[in-house]
Protein backbone atom coordinates (compact mmCIF):
# COMPACT_ATOMS: atom_id res chain seq x y z
CA UNK A 1 -65.36 37.63 14.04
CA UNK A 2 -62.56 35.06 14.69
CA UNK A 3 -60.01 36.02 17.33
CA UNK A 4 -56.38 36.18 16.11
CA UNK A 5 -55.31 33.67 18.74
CA UNK A 6 -57.59 30.88 17.45
CA UNK A 7 -55.65 30.01 14.22
CA UNK A 8 -52.40 29.93 16.20
CA UNK A 9 -53.98 27.73 18.82
CA UNK A 10 -55.29 25.35 16.16
CA UNK A 11 -51.88 25.21 14.54
CA UNK A 12 -50.21 24.33 17.84
CA UNK A 13 -52.87 21.71 18.53
CA UNK A 14 -52.38 20.19 15.08
CA UNK A 15 -48.61 20.18 15.48
CA UNK A 16 -48.89 18.38 18.82
CA UNK A 17 -51.22 15.88 17.19
CA UNK A 18 -48.86 14.97 14.33
CA UNK A 19 -45.64 15.17 16.36
CA UNK A 20 -45.78 11.53 17.58
CA UNK A 21 -46.38 10.36 14.00
CA UNK A 22 -43.44 12.39 12.69
CA UNK A 23 -41.14 11.12 15.43
CA UNK A 24 -42.26 7.52 14.91
CA UNK A 25 -41.36 7.70 11.21
CA UNK A 26 -38.26 9.89 11.23
CA UNK A 27 -36.49 8.63 14.36
CA UNK A 28 -35.91 5.04 13.07
CA UNK A 29 -34.56 6.42 9.80
CA UNK A 30 -32.21 8.78 11.67
CA UNK A 31 -31.01 5.98 13.97
CA UNK A 32 -30.50 3.65 11.00
CA UNK A 33 -28.52 6.38 9.23
CA UNK A 34 -26.29 6.93 12.25
CA UNK A 35 -25.62 3.18 12.49
CA UNK A 36 -24.83 3.07 8.79
CA UNK A 37 -22.37 5.95 9.19
CA UNK A 38 -20.74 4.09 12.07
CA UNK A 39 -20.36 0.94 9.95
CA UNK A 40 -18.90 2.98 7.07
CA UNK A 41 -16.58 5.08 9.27
CA UNK A 42 -13.49 3.50 7.69
CA UNK A 43 -14.82 3.89 4.14
CA UNK A 44 -14.34 6.74 1.70
CA UNK A 45 -15.21 10.27 2.78
CA UNK A 46 -17.33 10.82 -0.35
CA UNK A 47 -19.54 7.84 0.50
CA UNK A 48 -19.97 9.01 4.10
CA UNK A 49 -20.90 12.52 2.91
CA UNK A 50 -23.52 11.01 0.58
CA UNK A 51 -25.08 8.97 3.41
CA UNK A 52 -25.01 12.05 5.63
CA UNK A 53 -27.01 14.02 3.04
CA UNK A 54 -29.50 11.18 2.46
CA UNK A 55 -30.40 10.86 6.16
CA UNK A 56 -32.25 14.23 6.55
CA UNK A 57 -33.78 13.92 3.06
CA UNK A 58 -35.14 10.42 3.77
CA UNK A 59 -36.35 11.48 7.22
CA UNK A 60 -38.13 14.50 5.72
CA UNK A 61 -39.85 12.36 3.08
CA UNK A 62 -40.98 9.87 5.74
CA UNK A 63 -42.31 12.67 7.95
CA UNK A 64 -44.20 14.33 5.08
CA UNK A 65 -45.82 11.04 4.04
CA UNK A 66 -46.76 10.27 7.64
CA UNK A 67 -48.32 13.69 8.22
CA UNK A 68 -50.34 13.37 5.02
CA UNK A 69 -51.83 10.15 6.33
CA UNK A 70 -50.34 8.25 3.40
CA UNK A 71 -52.81 10.02 1.10
CA UNK A 72 -51.06 10.91 -2.12
CA UNK A 73 -52.66 14.27 -2.77
CA UNK A 74 -51.35 17.02 -5.03
CA UNK A 75 -49.80 18.73 -2.01
CA UNK A 76 -47.94 15.55 -1.04
CA UNK A 77 -46.77 15.08 -4.61
CA UNK A 78 -45.41 18.63 -4.63
CA UNK A 79 -43.60 18.07 -1.36
CA UNK A 80 -42.05 14.81 -2.58
CA UNK A 81 -40.98 16.52 -5.79
CA UNK A 82 -39.28 19.27 -3.77
CA UNK A 83 -37.47 16.62 -1.69
CA UNK A 84 -36.37 14.85 -4.85
CA UNK A 85 -35.00 18.08 -6.30
CA UNK A 86 -33.17 18.81 -3.06
CA UNK A 87 -31.61 15.32 -3.18
CA UNK A 88 -30.59 15.75 -6.83
CA UNK A 89 -28.80 18.97 -5.96
CA UNK A 90 -27.24 18.10 -2.60
CA UNK A 91 -26.08 14.51 -3.24
CA UNK A 92 -23.73 15.34 -6.19
CA UNK A 93 -22.42 18.33 -4.26
CA UNK A 94 -21.78 16.07 -1.24
CA UNK A 95 -19.94 13.54 -3.41
CA UNK A 96 -17.75 16.23 -5.01
CA UNK A 97 -17.08 17.89 -1.66
CA UNK A 98 -16.26 14.59 -0.01
CA UNK A 99 -13.88 13.60 -2.82
CA UNK A 100 -12.17 16.99 -2.66
CA UNK A 101 -11.75 16.83 1.12
CA UNK A 102 -10.52 13.23 0.89
CA UNK A 103 -7.88 14.10 -1.72
CA UNK A 104 -6.71 17.06 0.33
CA UNK A 105 -6.58 14.96 3.49
CA UNK A 106 -4.53 12.25 1.75
CA UNK A 107 -2.15 14.86 0.30
CA UNK A 108 -1.69 16.53 3.69
CA UNK A 109 -1.14 13.19 5.41
CA UNK A 110 1.47 12.14 2.83
CA UNK A 111 3.20 15.52 3.15
CA UNK A 112 3.35 15.12 6.93
CA UNK A 113 4.69 11.58 6.54
CA UNK A 114 7.41 12.78 4.15
CA UNK A 115 8.38 15.56 6.54
CA UNK A 116 8.56 13.16 9.48
CA UNK A 117 10.61 10.66 7.44
CA UNK A 118 13.03 13.37 6.32
CA UNK A 119 13.42 14.65 9.89
CA UNK A 120 13.97 11.15 11.26
CA UNK A 121 16.54 10.44 8.53
CA UNK A 122 18.35 13.70 9.27
CA UNK A 123 18.59 12.90 12.97
CA UNK A 124 19.77 9.37 12.28
CA UNK A 125 22.46 10.53 9.87
CA UNK A 126 23.69 13.25 12.22
CA UNK A 127 23.90 10.69 15.04
CA UNK A 128 25.81 8.23 12.88
CA UNK A 129 28.47 10.68 11.70
CA UNK A 130 28.83 12.71 14.90
CA UNK A 131 32.17 11.05 15.60
CA UNK A 132 33.39 11.73 12.05
CA UNK A 133 32.50 15.41 12.36
CA UNK A 134 34.22 15.82 15.74
CA UNK A 135 37.51 14.19 14.74
CA UNK A 136 38.48 16.70 11.99
CA UNK A 137 37.89 19.63 14.36
CA UNK A 138 40.70 18.31 16.60
CA UNK A 139 43.27 18.15 13.77
CA UNK A 140 46.37 20.28 13.43
CA UNK A 141 46.71 23.43 11.32
CA UNK A 142 48.44 21.65 8.40
CA UNK A 143 45.47 19.25 8.11
CA UNK A 144 42.81 21.95 7.79
CA UNK A 145 42.71 21.79 3.98
CA UNK A 146 42.29 18.01 3.86
CA UNK A 147 39.77 17.97 6.70
CA UNK A 148 37.74 20.76 5.10
CA UNK A 149 37.55 18.74 1.91
CA UNK A 150 36.48 15.71 3.92
CA UNK A 151 33.74 17.67 5.68
CA UNK A 152 32.53 19.08 2.38
CA UNK A 153 32.25 15.53 1.07
CA UNK A 154 30.24 14.52 4.13
CA UNK A 155 27.88 17.45 3.77
CA UNK A 156 27.42 16.63 0.09
CA UNK A 157 26.67 13.00 1.01
CA UNK A 158 24.17 14.12 3.65
CA UNK A 159 22.39 16.38 1.17
CA UNK A 160 22.26 13.68 -1.50
CA UNK A 161 20.98 11.06 0.96
CA UNK A 162 18.36 13.48 2.29
CA UNK A 163 17.11 14.14 -1.25
CA UNK A 164 16.77 10.41 -1.88
CA UNK A 165 15.05 9.73 1.45
CA UNK A 166 12.62 12.65 1.14
CA UNK A 167 11.66 11.73 -2.45
CA UNK A 168 13.01 15.08 -3.71
CA UNK A 169 15.39 13.53 -6.28
CA UNK A 170 14.39 14.57 -9.81
CA UNK A 171 16.38 12.99 -12.64
CA UNK A 172 16.75 14.41 -16.15
CA UNK A 173 16.87 11.21 -18.18
CA UNK A 174 18.71 10.85 -21.48
CA UNK A 175 20.88 8.35 -23.34
CA UNK A 176 24.25 8.20 -21.54
CA UNK A 177 27.34 6.26 -22.57
CA UNK A 178 28.87 4.32 -19.70
CA UNK A 179 32.29 4.85 -21.29
CA UNK A 180 32.10 8.59 -20.56
CA UNK A 181 30.72 7.99 -17.07
CA UNK A 182 33.51 5.54 -16.14
CA UNK A 183 36.20 7.81 -17.63
CA UNK A 184 35.01 10.79 -15.58
CA UNK A 185 34.82 8.72 -12.38
CA UNK A 186 38.31 7.29 -12.86
CA UNK A 187 39.72 10.74 -13.58
CA UNK A 188 38.50 11.88 -10.17
CA UNK A 189 39.70 8.82 -8.25
CA UNK A 190 43.06 7.96 -9.86
CA UNK A 191 45.09 10.54 -7.84
CA UNK A 192 43.88 8.95 -4.59
CA UNK A 193 44.60 5.45 -5.93
CA UNK A 194 48.14 6.46 -6.95
CA UNK A 195 48.90 7.89 -3.52
CA UNK A 196 47.74 4.62 -1.97
CA UNK A 197 49.60 2.53 -4.60
CA UNK A 198 46.40 0.85 -5.77
CA UNK A 199 46.00 -0.09 -9.43
CA UNK A 200 42.70 0.74 -11.09
CA UNK A 201 41.90 -1.20 -14.28
CA UNK A 202 38.90 -0.81 -16.57
CA UNK A 203 37.83 -3.45 -19.08
CA UNK A 204 34.75 -3.47 -21.29
CA UNK A 205 33.40 -6.17 -23.58
CA UNK A 206 31.18 -3.38 -24.90
CA UNK A 207 30.41 0.17 -23.84
CA UNK A 208 26.62 0.22 -23.56
CA UNK A 209 24.38 3.28 -23.60
CA UNK A 210 21.90 3.47 -20.74
CA UNK A 211 18.88 5.62 -19.97
CA UNK A 212 19.80 7.81 -17.03
CA UNK A 213 21.01 11.08 -15.60
CA UNK A 214 24.71 11.75 -16.26
CA UNK A 215 25.61 13.40 -12.89
CA UNK A 216 23.87 10.72 -10.83
CA UNK A 217 25.37 7.87 -12.88
CA UNK A 218 28.84 9.41 -12.38
CA UNK A 219 28.08 9.61 -8.64
CA UNK A 220 27.24 5.89 -8.57
CA UNK A 221 30.50 4.85 -10.27
CA UNK A 222 32.56 7.34 -8.25
CA UNK A 223 31.16 6.06 -4.95
CA UNK A 224 31.78 2.41 -5.88
CA UNK A 225 35.35 3.05 -7.08
CA UNK A 226 36.10 5.22 -4.04
CA UNK A 227 34.81 2.48 -1.74
CA UNK A 228 36.89 -0.13 -3.57
CA UNK A 229 40.09 1.97 -3.32
CA UNK A 230 39.50 2.65 0.37
CA UNK A 231 39.20 -1.05 1.22
CA UNK A 232 41.96 -2.35 -1.05
CA UNK A 233 45.41 -2.60 0.59
CA UNK A 234 48.47 -0.94 -0.98
CA UNK A 235 49.76 -2.67 -4.13
CA UNK A 236 46.29 -4.17 -4.62
CA UNK A 237 44.04 -3.86 -7.67
CA UNK A 238 40.58 -2.44 -8.30
CA UNK A 239 38.98 -3.76 -11.49
CA UNK A 240 36.01 -2.26 -13.34
CA UNK A 241 34.22 -4.45 -15.87
CA UNK A 242 31.43 -3.28 -18.16
CA UNK A 243 29.24 -5.34 -20.46
CA UNK A 244 25.73 -6.17 -21.62
CA UNK A 245 23.46 -8.95 -20.35
CA UNK A 246 20.18 -9.22 -22.25
CA UNK A 247 18.41 -5.88 -22.02
CA UNK A 248 20.63 -4.60 -19.22
CA UNK A 249 23.98 -2.90 -18.94
CA UNK A 250 26.22 -4.49 -16.29
CA UNK A 251 28.94 -2.60 -14.41
CA UNK A 252 31.01 -4.53 -11.85
CA UNK A 253 33.62 -3.09 -9.46
CA UNK A 254 35.99 -5.61 -7.84
CA UNK A 255 38.19 -4.70 -4.85
CA UNK A 256 40.85 -6.49 -2.81
CA UNK A 257 39.29 -6.08 0.64
CA UNK A 258 39.70 -9.75 1.53
CA UNK A 259 35.97 -10.43 1.47
CA UNK A 260 32.99 -9.56 3.64
CA UNK A 261 31.52 -11.97 6.22
CA UNK A 262 28.39 -13.59 4.83
CA UNK A 263 26.28 -12.36 7.74
CA UNK A 264 27.22 -8.76 6.89
CA UNK A 265 26.76 -8.82 3.10
CA UNK A 266 23.06 -7.97 3.36
CA UNK A 267 23.90 -4.83 5.34
CA UNK A 268 26.63 -3.25 3.20
CA UNK A 269 24.15 -0.75 1.71
CA UNK A 270 22.76 0.33 5.09
CA UNK A 271 23.38 3.90 6.20
CA UNK A 272 26.68 4.28 8.14
CA UNK A 273 27.48 0.55 7.95
CA UNK A 274 31.21 -0.18 8.00
CA UNK A 275 31.40 -3.76 9.13
CA UNK A 276 33.93 -4.54 11.82
CA UNK A 277 36.27 -1.67 10.92
CA UNK A 278 36.68 1.24 13.33
CA UNK A 279 34.33 4.17 12.71
CA UNK A 280 37.17 6.68 12.43
CA UNK A 281 38.13 8.48 9.18
CA UNK A 282 41.33 7.40 7.47
CA UNK A 283 44.28 9.71 7.86
CA UNK A 284 45.48 9.20 4.27
CA UNK A 285 45.70 12.63 2.71
CA UNK A 286 42.91 13.48 0.24
CA UNK A 287 41.35 10.04 0.60
CA UNK A 288 37.60 10.22 -0.16
CA UNK A 289 35.43 11.06 2.82
CA UNK A 290 33.88 8.07 4.57
CA UNK A 291 30.71 8.82 6.49
CA UNK A 292 29.26 5.42 5.72
CA UNK A 293 26.90 6.93 3.13
CA UNK A 294 28.60 6.18 -0.20
CA UNK A 295 27.11 2.74 -0.79
CA UNK A 296 23.70 3.78 0.58
CA UNK A 297 23.65 6.72 -1.84
CA UNK A 298 24.77 4.50 -4.72
CA UNK A 299 21.93 2.07 -3.99
CA UNK A 300 19.35 4.88 -3.84
CA UNK A 301 20.55 6.36 -7.14
CA UNK A 302 20.60 2.96 -8.88
CA UNK A 303 17.03 2.27 -7.78
CA UNK A 304 16.02 5.76 -8.95
CA UNK A 305 17.21 4.64 -12.41
CA UNK A 306 15.02 1.49 -12.19
CA UNK A 307 18.17 -0.58 -11.79
CA UNK A 308 19.57 -3.07 -9.29
CA UNK A 309 22.76 -3.25 -7.23
CA UNK A 310 24.19 -6.26 -5.45
CA UNK A 311 27.30 -7.18 -3.49
CA UNK A 312 28.97 -10.56 -3.10
CA UNK A 313 32.41 -11.98 -2.38
CA UNK A 314 34.51 -12.50 -5.48
CA UNK A 315 38.14 -13.56 -5.79
CA UNK A 316 40.39 -11.73 -3.29
CA UNK A 317 37.72 -9.26 -2.32
CA UNK A 318 34.18 -8.17 -2.99
CA UNK A 319 32.27 -7.39 -6.19
CA UNK A 320 29.63 -4.66 -6.43
CA UNK A 321 27.48 -5.24 -9.50
CA UNK A 322 25.11 -2.64 -10.98
CA UNK A 323 22.47 -3.45 -13.60
CA UNK A 324 20.80 -0.62 -15.51
CA UNK A 325 18.22 -0.64 -18.33
CA UNK A 326 19.67 0.02 -21.78
CA UNK A 327 18.60 3.10 -23.69
CA UNK A 328 16.52 2.55 -26.79
CA UNK A 329 18.49 3.84 -29.73
């Protein structure tokens, strides 16, 4: 009668006999797989997951073939078939899992980048307008109404600029007549122009219809006209010209600021840029708030409409020219 310990002893002896063969065949494959993963470390996650699954499968196949003595028996065939089935199941799963993890990682990274950009923009804007926010608080009682309106305008500008910077601006696009947009903007700005004795003229060779969002287009024109009134001296003129050039609508706002130095023209749309003027709000009653954001907001809104905005010296002042795509009617 065979003792129970003999089969176990034979199994251990056999395992020790084939162990060097298994290590000799599987170790190079494992090392090669690790090197391949290192070379592909900057590649796609799905590809790395696929290689990671192939390494143990290939090592297992090599070990099974080595243990069988390279004799393709029915048992070896069965084992290879099992390995093949395992590969057919695990490799697609690894590819899908890797793609899913990669997409989630990209989304999370982009979300973090947007949050950091929004936070950095908020801090920058608060730093730029800190002086503007402190000055109204030191005003007298009879100025509270005007200063409150100014602060409300600054907060509105901050919110609008933050939406643009954070990519949270969603436009409802439709066919919009520039005639209505310009009329609304002038209606809001004419009282300020009259108090400053500045003429505001509007001339149109044609009133084009553009594809855009009515509130944001009105904001663009209002910011440009407000900026022109602010920098035009009393008894000066602000001119608005509208026309069509090819497939684009053109809106130009001319002021009487005396011109902008050439080395500063490229910076007029930067946040809080005011050129060489003092960074202190005007004391003219009900004059539009100036936190240095109006032109930056106008530029962001124009670009959100797939348009372009440019500034250059023209006549006695500066011309801000906006080009927007025409609506298909």
